[in-house]
Amino acid sequence: MIKLLDNIQQFLQQQTVMSIAVHSVQGFWAANCFYVFDDSNISLIFFSSLSTQHAQIMRQSDLVVGTIATQTDQVSEIEGVQFKGRAILLNEDT
């Protein structure tokens, strides 16, 4: 099982918005999504309509990359993480 550093885990729990990017033969697509961090599974869980462009692409290719960052005016204060992973549809009815 993967163990995250405490400061990364705390950062992921404090933030609420991530930026994701997906890719298909038609090209790249990016989107911002609200998320919750599931520390027991080291997972980012987000809700999105299956009719969105990014959701349609994720149904074709489950590879996802993204970023989570703080919002600040000072470059020296920027904190964030970059990630890659796989999108898994938890429930088609929601």
Protein backbone atom coordinates (compact mmCIF):
# COMPACT_ATOMS: atom_id res chain seq x y z
CA MET A 1 0.00 0.00 0.00
CA ILE A 2 1.19 3.49 -0.82
CA LYS A 3 1.93 5.75 2.16
CA LEU A 4 1.72 9.49 1.57
CA LEU A 5 3.86 11.92 3.48
CA ASP A 6 1.82 13.57 6.23
CA ASN A 7 2.20 17.07 4.76
CA ILE A 8 0.95 15.90 1.34
CA GLN A 9 -1.99 14.07 2.89
CA GLN A 10 -2.89 17.15 4.94
CA PHE A 11 -2.62 19.37 1.84
CA LEU A 12 -4.97 17.11 -0.14
CA GLN A 13 -7.49 17.16 2.72
CA GLN A 14 -7.42 20.98 2.92
CA GLN A 15 -8.03 21.67 -0.77
CA THR A 16 -11.29 21.17 -2.67
CA VAL A 17 -10.59 21.81 -6.38
CA MET A 18 -8.38 19.90 -8.78
CA SER A 19 -7.56 20.42 -12.42
CA ILE A 20 -7.55 17.27 -14.54
CA ALA A 21 -6.54 16.56 -18.12
CA VAL A 22 -7.50 13.61 -20.30
CA HIS A 23 -6.60 12.56 -23.84
CA SER A 24 -8.30 10.80 -26.74
CA VAL A 25 -7.67 10.52 -30.47
CA GLN A 26 -9.53 13.84 -30.85
CA GLY A 27 -7.03 15.57 -28.57
CA PHE A 28 -6.61 16.79 -25.00
CA TRP A 29 -9.29 18.12 -22.65
CA ALA A 30 -8.90 19.82 -19.27
CA ALA A 31 -11.45 20.50 -16.54
CA ASN A 32 -11.66 21.76 -12.97
CA CYS A 33 -13.54 19.55 -10.51
CA PHE A 34 -14.44 19.62 -6.84
CA TYR A 35 -13.04 16.58 -5.06
CA VAL A 36 -12.73 14.86 -1.69
CA PHE A 37 -9.63 12.96 -0.64
CA ASP A 38 -10.11 9.36 0.52
CA ASP A 39 -7.03 8.79 2.67
CA SER A 40 -7.82 5.12 3.33
CA ASN A 41 -7.53 4.34 -0.40
CA ILE A 42 -5.23 7.21 -1.42
CA SER A 43 -7.89 8.31 -3.92
CA LEU A 44 -9.38 11.55 -5.17
CA ILE A 45 -13.15 11.23 -5.56
CA PHE A 46 -15.06 13.69 -7.73
CA PHE A 47 -18.53 13.98 -9.22
CA SER A 48 -19.11 14.85 -12.84
CA SER A 49 -21.94 14.47 -15.30
CA LEU A 50 -21.34 11.63 -17.73
CA SER A 51 -22.30 14.02 -20.54
CA THR A 52 -19.25 16.27 -19.99
CA GLN A 53 -16.39 16.12 -22.47
CA HIS A 54 -13.88 14.93 -19.86
CA ALA A 55 -16.20 12.16 -18.62
CA GLN A 56 -16.83 10.95 -22.16
CA ILE A 57 -13.08 10.80 -22.81
CA MET A 58 -12.45 8.98 -19.49
CA ARG A 59 -14.89 6.29 -20.60
CA GLN A 60 -12.65 5.69 -23.63
CA SER A 61 -9.32 6.05 -21.83
CA ASP A 62 -9.07 5.99 -18.04
CA LEU A 63 -5.67 7.72 -17.86
CA VAL A 64 -5.84 11.08 -16.07
CA VAL A 65 -3.26 13.66 -15.03
CA GLY A 66 -3.87 16.69 -12.88
CA THR A 67 -2.82 19.31 -10.41
CA ILE A 68 -4.03 20.64 -7.09
CA ALA A 69 -2.68 24.01 -6.01
CA THR A 70 -3.27 26.78 -3.52
CA GLN A 71 -4.58 30.12 -4.75
CA THR A 72 -2.23 32.99 -3.99
CA ASP A 73 -0.90 36.19 -5.52
CA GLN A 74 2.66 35.48 -4.33
CA VAL A 75 4.76 33.09 -6.41
CA SER A 76 6.84 32.21 -3.35
CA GLU A 77 3.71 30.98 -1.54
CA ILE A 78 2.44 28.58 -4.20
CA GLU A 79 2.00 25.01 -2.97
CA GLY A 80 0.68 22.13 -4.99
CA VAL A 81 0.90 18.58 -6.19
CA GLN A 82 0.84 16.98 -9.60
CA PHE A 83 -0.59 13.51 -10.10
CA LYS A 84 -1.36 10.81 -12.61
CA GLY A 85 -3.73 7.92 -12.24
CA ARG A 86 -6.73 6.06 -13.56
CA ALA A 87 -10.35 7.17 -13.49
CA ILE A 88 -12.78 4.56 -12.22
CA LEU A 89 -16.54 5.00 -12.60
CA LEU A 90 -18.02 4.31 -9.16
CA ASN A 91 -21.71 4.64 -10.00
CA GLU A 92 -23.26 5.25 -13.39
CA ASP A 93 -26.54 6.44 -11.85
CA THR A 94 -25.10 9.59 -10.23
